Amino acid sequence: MPTLLQIDFPLSGPWGEEMAEAFADLARLIADTPGLRWKVWTENEATGESGGIYLFDDEASARAYLDEHTRRLEGFGITGIRARIFDVNEPLTAITRGPLS
């Protein structure tokens, strides 16, 4: 069953295009994560938050990534990491054109 992972954490920047340039290598690394279908990168400069919404093939893949990425973020000195895992209701998501592939 597809599994959604939501992660957010405090960040003081960079933002926008600077973030895209600074984290391009990390994005390529994340793209190769087993079981990952896609990630939407999130940022809110006004509240000093960043993170992402991820779709995985299954919960085991999402949990494995969460463990790995939490260690990575903590290695960058980031604390206050919040994460939530959800099952995806595929029939309803299909009706509302949610990208499942």
Protein backbone atom coordinates (compact mmCIF):
# COMPACT_ATOMS: atom_id res chain seq x y z
CA MET A 1 0.00 0.00 0.00
CA PRO A 2 1.41 3.44 -0.84
CA THR A 3 2.58 5.31 2.23
CA LEU A 4 2.89 9.06 2.68
CA LEU A 5 5.64 10.52 4.87
CA GLN A 6 5.58 14.13 6.02
CA ILE A 7 8.74 15.62 7.55
CA ASP A 8 9.32 19.19 8.69
CA PHE A 9 11.94 20.90 10.80
CA PRO A 10 13.22 24.36 11.71
CA LEU A 11 15.64 25.86 9.18
CA SER A 12 17.21 29.31 8.94
CA GLY A 13 17.82 29.02 5.20
CA PRO A 14 18.81 29.02 2.43
CA TRP A 15 15.50 29.53 0.61
CA GLY A 16 14.19 29.40 -2.94
CA GLU A 17 16.78 29.24 -5.69
CA GLU A 18 19.63 29.29 -3.17
CA MET A 19 18.14 26.21 -1.50
CA ALA A 20 17.79 24.49 -4.89
CA GLU A 21 21.46 25.10 -5.62
CA ALA A 22 22.67 24.17 -2.13
CA PHE A 23 20.69 20.91 -1.91
CA ALA A 24 20.82 19.66 -5.51
CA ASP A 25 23.27 16.87 -4.65
CA LEU A 26 21.13 15.84 -1.69
CA ALA A 27 18.05 15.79 -3.95
CA ARG A 28 19.84 13.43 -6.35
CA LEU A 29 20.80 11.18 -3.42
CA ILE A 30 17.21 11.14 -2.13
CA ALA A 31 15.90 10.36 -5.63
CA ASP A 32 17.74 7.02 -5.46
CA THR A 33 16.06 5.98 -2.20
CA PRO A 34 14.59 2.47 -2.44
CA GLY A 35 10.79 2.54 -2.53
CA LEU A 36 10.53 6.32 -3.08
CA ARG A 37 8.04 7.30 -5.78
CA TRP A 38 8.38 11.06 -5.37
CA LYS A 39 9.16 13.91 -2.98
CA VAL A 40 7.77 17.45 -2.86
CA TRP A 41 10.23 19.80 -1.16
CA THR A 42 8.59 22.29 1.21
CA GLU A 43 9.84 25.57 2.63
CA ASN A 44 8.36 28.47 4.55
CA GLU A 45 10.85 31.28 5.06
CA ALA A 46 8.35 33.31 7.12
CA THR A 47 8.10 30.58 9.77
CA GLY A 48 11.62 29.19 9.32
CA GLU A 49 10.47 25.69 8.36
CA SER A 50 11.51 23.25 5.68
CA GLY A 51 10.86 19.62 4.88
CA GLY A 52 9.03 17.47 2.43
CA ILE A 53 6.11 15.28 1.51
CA TYR A 54 7.14 11.84 0.24
CA LEU A 55 5.27 8.96 -1.36
CA PHE A 56 6.73 5.49 -0.82
CA ASP A 57 5.72 2.07 -2.13
CA ASP A 58 5.11 0.82 1.41
CA GLU A 59 5.45 1.66 5.09
CA ALA A 60 8.70 -0.29 5.53
CA SER A 61 10.40 1.86 2.88
CA ALA A 62 9.04 5.05 4.46
CA ARG A 63 10.24 4.06 7.94
CA ALA A 64 13.69 3.06 6.67
CA TYR A 65 14.04 6.41 4.93
CA LEU A 66 12.78 8.30 7.97
CA ASP A 67 15.45 6.67 10.14
CA GLU A 68 18.18 7.44 7.58
CA HIS A 69 17.07 11.02 6.94
CA THR A 70 16.62 11.80 10.64
CA ARG A 71 20.24 10.75 11.25
CA ARG A 72 21.32 12.87 8.26
CA LEU A 73 19.47 15.95 9.50
CA GLU A 74 20.80 15.52 13.03
CA GLY A 75 24.28 15.26 11.51
CA PHE A 76 23.67 18.71 9.99
CA GLY A 77 22.83 19.96 13.51
CA ILE A 78 19.08 20.12 12.87
CA THR A 79 16.81 19.42 15.83
CA GLY A 80 13.04 19.63 16.29
CA ILE A 81 12.39 17.19 13.45
CA ARG A 82 8.71 16.21 13.14
CA ALA A 83 7.50 13.29 11.08
CA ARG A 84 4.16 11.63 10.37
CA ILE A 85 3.36 8.51 8.37
CA PHE A 86 0.00 7.89 6.69
CA ASP A 87 -1.54 5.11 4.62
CA VAL A 88 -2.90 6.36 1.29
CA ASN A 89 -6.51 5.69 0.34
CA GLU A 90 -5.92 4.89 -3.32
CA PRO A 91 -9.54 4.94 -4.60
CA LEU A 92 -10.26 8.39 -3.17
CA THR A 93 -6.86 9.73 -4.19
CA ALA A 94 -7.49 8.57 -7.77
CA ILE A 95 -10.81 10.47 -7.85
CA THR A 96 -9.04 13.68 -6.81
CA ARG A 97 -6.17 13.10 -9.28
CA GLY A 98 -3.50 12.48 -6.64
CA PRO A 99 -0.25 11.29 -8.25
CA LEU A 100 0.28 7.73 -7.10
CA SER A 101 2.80 6.66 -9.73
